[in-house]
Protein backbone atom coordinates (compact mmCIF):
# COMPACT_ATOMS: atom_id res chain seq x y z
CA UNK A 1 7.57 4.10 -6.94
CA UNK A 2 5.61 3.38 -4.57
CA UNK A 3 2.31 -0.01 -4.36
CA UNK A 4 -1.00 1.29 -3.21
CA UNK A 5 -3.88 -0.50 -1.90
CA UNK A 6 -7.22 1.32 -3.25
CA UNK A 7 -9.76 0.26 -0.83
CA UNK A 8 -13.70 1.43 -2.99
CA UNK A 9 -15.88 1.30 -0.70
CA UNK A 10 -19.93 1.57 -2.25
CA UNK A 11 -22.36 1.98 1.18
CA UNK A 12 -25.08 -0.37 0.73
CA UNK A 13 -28.49 0.19 3.45
CA UNK A 14 -27.21 2.52 5.62
CA UNK A 15 -24.11 5.13 6.52
CA UNK A 16 -22.08 1.88 8.96
CA UNK A 17 -19.28 1.26 7.57
CA UNK A 18 -19.64 -2.41 8.32
CA UNK A 19 -22.59 -1.90 5.51
CA UNK A 20 -19.93 -1.03 2.58
CA UNK A 21 -19.29 -3.51 -0.26
CA UNK A 22 -15.25 -3.06 -1.31
CA UNK A 23 -13.25 -3.68 -3.55
CA UNK A 24 -9.35 -3.24 -3.71
CA UNK A 25 -7.41 -2.98 -6.91
CA UNK A 26 -3.69 -1.51 -6.11
CA UNK A 27 -1.44 0.79 -8.43
CA UNK A 28 2.15 2.06 -9.18
CA UNK A 29 2.77 5.43 -8.35
CA UNK A 30 4.76 8.37 -7.05
CA UNK A 31 1.16 10.25 -6.26
CA UNK A 32 -1.64 8.11 -4.05
CA UNK A 33 -3.78 11.72 -4.41
CA UNK A 34 -3.94 11.87 -7.72
CA UNK A 35 -4.60 8.86 -8.01
CA UNK A 36 -7.43 8.59 -5.53
CA UNK A 37 -8.52 11.56 -7.38
CA UNK A 38 -8.25 10.11 -11.01
CA UNK A 39 -10.59 7.15 -9.50
CA UNK A 40 -13.74 9.27 -8.31
CA UNK A 41 -13.82 11.54 -11.37
CA UNK A 42 -13.87 7.74 -13.57
CA UNK A 43 -16.01 6.45 -10.97
CA UNK A 44 -18.55 9.35 -11.82
CA UNK A 45 -18.35 8.92 -14.84
CA UNK A 46 -19.17 5.32 -15.11
CA UNK A 47 -23.31 5.57 -15.52
CA UNK A 48 -23.40 2.54 -13.33
CA UNK A 49 -21.81 4.53 -10.16
CA UNK A 50 -22.73 7.99 -11.10
CA UNK A 51 -23.78 9.67 -8.69
CA UNK A 52 -24.27 6.69 -6.09
CA UNK A 53 -22.13 7.87 -2.52
CA UNK A 54 -18.91 5.91 -2.62
CA UNK A 55 -15.76 5.71 -0.43
CA UNK A 56 -11.72 5.87 -1.90
CA UNK A 57 -8.55 5.23 0.31
CA UNK A 58 -5.83 5.05 -1.24
CA UNK A 59 -2.87 2.33 1.71
CA UNK A 60 0.89 1.81 0.97
CA UNK A 61 0.40 -1.98 0.73
CA UNK A 62 4.50 -2.57 0.58
CA UNK A 63 3.88 -1.04 5.11
CA UNK A 64 3.06 -3.65 7.89
CA UNK A 65 -0.09 -3.25 10.17
CA UNK A 66 -1.46 -0.57 11.45
CA UNK A 67 -1.37 0.93 8.15
CA UNK A 68 -3.29 4.40 7.17
CA UNK A 69 -4.87 5.03 4.29
CA UNK A 70 -1.92 8.31 2.03
CA UNK A 71 -5.01 9.51 0.27
CA UNK A 72 -8.64 9.47 0.70
CA UNK A 73 -11.56 11.18 -1.93
CA UNK A 74 -15.41 9.97 -1.73
CA UNK A 75 -19.32 11.37 -2.81
CA UNK A 76 -21.54 11.52 -0.73
CA UNK A 77 -25.20 10.94 -0.71
CA UNK A 78 -28.08 8.57 0.89
CA UNK A 79 -27.43 5.22 0.30
CA UNK A 80 -29.09 3.11 -2.60
CA UNK A 81 -31.50 0.03 -1.48
CA UNK A 82 -29.86 -2.86 -1.84
CA UNK A 83 -32.98 -4.96 -1.30
CA UNK A 84 -30.90 -8.09 -2.53
CA UNK A 85 -28.51 -10.24 -0.65
CA UNK A 86 -25.39 -8.03 -0.61
CA UNK A 87 -22.68 -11.24 -0.61
CA UNK A 88 -23.83 -11.56 -4.75
CA UNK A 89 -21.20 -10.66 -6.81
CA UNK A 90 -19.29 -11.29 -10.44
CA UNK A 91 -15.72 -11.64 -10.28
CA UNK A 92 -13.59 -9.48 -12.52
CA UNK A 93 -10.35 -10.95 -12.96
CA UNK A 94 -7.46 -9.87 -13.93
CA UNK A 95 -3.38 -11.20 -14.87
CA UNK A 96 -0.67 -10.02 -16.20
CA UNK A 97 0.80 -12.07 -19.50
CA UNK A 98 0.08 -15.43 -17.47
CA UNK A 99 -2.83 -16.72 -15.88
CA UNK A 100 -0.80 -18.36 -13.05
CA UNK A 101 -0.92 -17.46 -9.47
CA UNK A 102 1.70 -14.38 -8.24
CA UNK A 103 0.79 -12.93 -11.77
CA UNK A 104 -3.17 -13.03 -11.80
CA UNK A 105 -5.52 -11.62 -9.27
CA UNK A 106 -9.68 -11.37 -8.96
CA UNK A 107 -12.48 -8.31 -7.80
CA UNK A 108 -15.48 -8.87 -6.88
CA UNK A 109 -17.52 -6.48 -7.56
CA UNK A 110 -20.77 -6.15 -5.41
CA UNK A 111 -23.80 -7.69 -7.88
CA UNK A 112 -26.00 -4.45 -6.21
CA UNK A 113 -23.49 -2.80 -9.16
CA UNK A 114 -24.87 -4.70 -12.41
CA UNK A 115 -28.86 -4.59 -11.67
CA UNK A 116 -31.33 -6.04 -13.88
CA UNK A 117 -32.73 -9.40 -12.55
CA UNK A 118 -30.87 -12.26 -11.04
CA UNK A 119 -30.98 -14.59 -12.59
CA UNK A 120 -29.42 -18.63 -13.12
CA UNK A 121 -26.60 -16.66 -15.13
CA UNK A 122 -26.00 -13.53 -15.09
CA UNK A 123 -26.79 -11.65 -17.96
CA UNK A 124 -24.52 -10.11 -20.97
CA UNK A 125 -25.48 -6.94 -20.44
CA UNK A 126 -24.30 -8.00 -17.05
CA UNK A 127 -20.92 -9.29 -17.97
CA UNK A 128 -20.22 -6.08 -20.35
CA UNK A 129 -20.75 -3.88 -17.35
CA UNK A 130 -18.60 -5.81 -15.40
CA UNK A 131 -15.69 -5.69 -17.86
CA UNK A 132 -16.99 -2.00 -18.97
CA UNK A 133 -15.61 -1.81 -15.36
CA UNK A 134 -12.76 -2.43 -15.75
CA UNK A 135 -11.69 0.48 -17.92
CA UNK A 136 -12.94 2.28 -14.63
CA UNK A 137 -10.16 1.36 -12.62
CA UNK A 138 -7.23 1.23 -16.27
CA UNK A 139 -8.78 4.33 -18.35
CA UNK A 140 -6.44 7.89 -18.20
CA UNK A 141 -4.61 6.10 -14.97
CA UNK A 142 -2.49 9.97 -14.13
CA UNK A 143 1.21 9.95 -15.76
CA UNK A 144 3.46 7.79 -14.44
CA UNK A 145 0.56 5.69 -12.46
CA UNK A 146 0.00 1.20 -13.92
CA UNK A 147 -2.74 -0.47 -12.79
CA UNK A 148 -1.32 -3.54 -11.51
CA UNK A 149 -1.05 -7.22 -9.17
CA UNK A 150 1.13 -7.13 -6.31
CA UNK A 151 2.21 -9.98 -4.64
CA UNK A 152 2.34 -10.42 -1.34
CA UNK A 153 4.60 -13.47 -1.74
CA UNK A 154 6.55 -12.02 -4.12
CA UNK A 155 6.44 -8.23 -2.93
CA UNK A 156 6.12 -8.21 -7.21
CA UNK A 157 3.92 -5.84 -9.09
CA UNK A 158 3.44 -6.16 -12.69
CA UNK A 159 0.60 -4.28 -15.42
CA UNK A 160 -2.53 -6.32 -15.62
CA UNK A 161 -2.57 -6.98 -19.60
CA UNK A 162 -6.18 -9.01 -19.07
CA UNK A 163 -9.37 -9.53 -17.35
CA UNK A 164 -12.36 -11.15 -18.17
CA UNK A 165 -15.92 -12.55 -16.28
CA UNK A 166 -17.53 -15.68 -16.13
CA UNK A 167 -20.97 -16.67 -16.29
CA UNK A 168 -21.18 -17.71 -12.85
CA UNK A 169 -22.43 -15.83 -9.68
CA UNK A 170 -19.92 -15.16 -6.73
CA UNK A 171 -20.80 -15.03 -3.31
CA UNK A 172 -19.06 -13.53 -0.97
CA UNK A 173 -20.05 -14.25 2.62
CA UNK A 174 -18.34 -11.14 4.46
CA UNK A 175 -20.70 -9.14 2.74
CA UNK A 176 -23.48 -10.98 3.78
CA UNK A 177 -25.97 -8.73 7.42
CA UNK A 178 -25.46 -9.94 10.61
CA UNK A 179 -28.91 -12.47 11.99
CA UNK A 180 -31.32 -9.59 13.73
CA UNK A 181 -34.10 -12.43 14.99
CA UNK A 182 -34.31 -16.23 14.92
CA UNK A 183 -36.77 -18.57 14.87
CA UNK A 184 -36.93 -21.64 16.94
CA UNK A 185 -38.58 -25.08 17.22
CA UNK A 186 -38.70 -28.16 19.05
CA UNK A 187 -37.59 -31.54 18.08
CA UNK A 188 -38.81 -34.17 20.12
């Protein structure tokens, strides 16, 4: 059974690849096309994604770079305007049996997926939306497919058994915009 890294990307503000916000859950199975199509259907059915554009690419997680997609699916559309810092995320923490290294993982879900005002702490509704998103990644999988935590160090996959989200915003600096102007002042 192969291990696949699913790269799910949501464009923000433009169709440029650098403006995509990505998450990378892992799956085991023998039909990457079925996994990609199942993820697409679940994302479309999830009310907070619905008609928003996204791309899904599945890669062989055990293959050395360069690795090319073994399956793809997407929903086209106009990228939404974010109007907020893209670096802000909520962390969906996952683990298999034990919450310890090589048995756990994290998915930093873009805050723009969950809407609502960005207060000092995420609201209970925003936290619940993240937990509901875990269902998108898990429920109704194709036969013989499992959502897993992939340990690159041990080269072992373990089925996800628990998920949680806390009440703290997280920051993904790599999702930030590039500077376009600079204001400078002399110091004497």
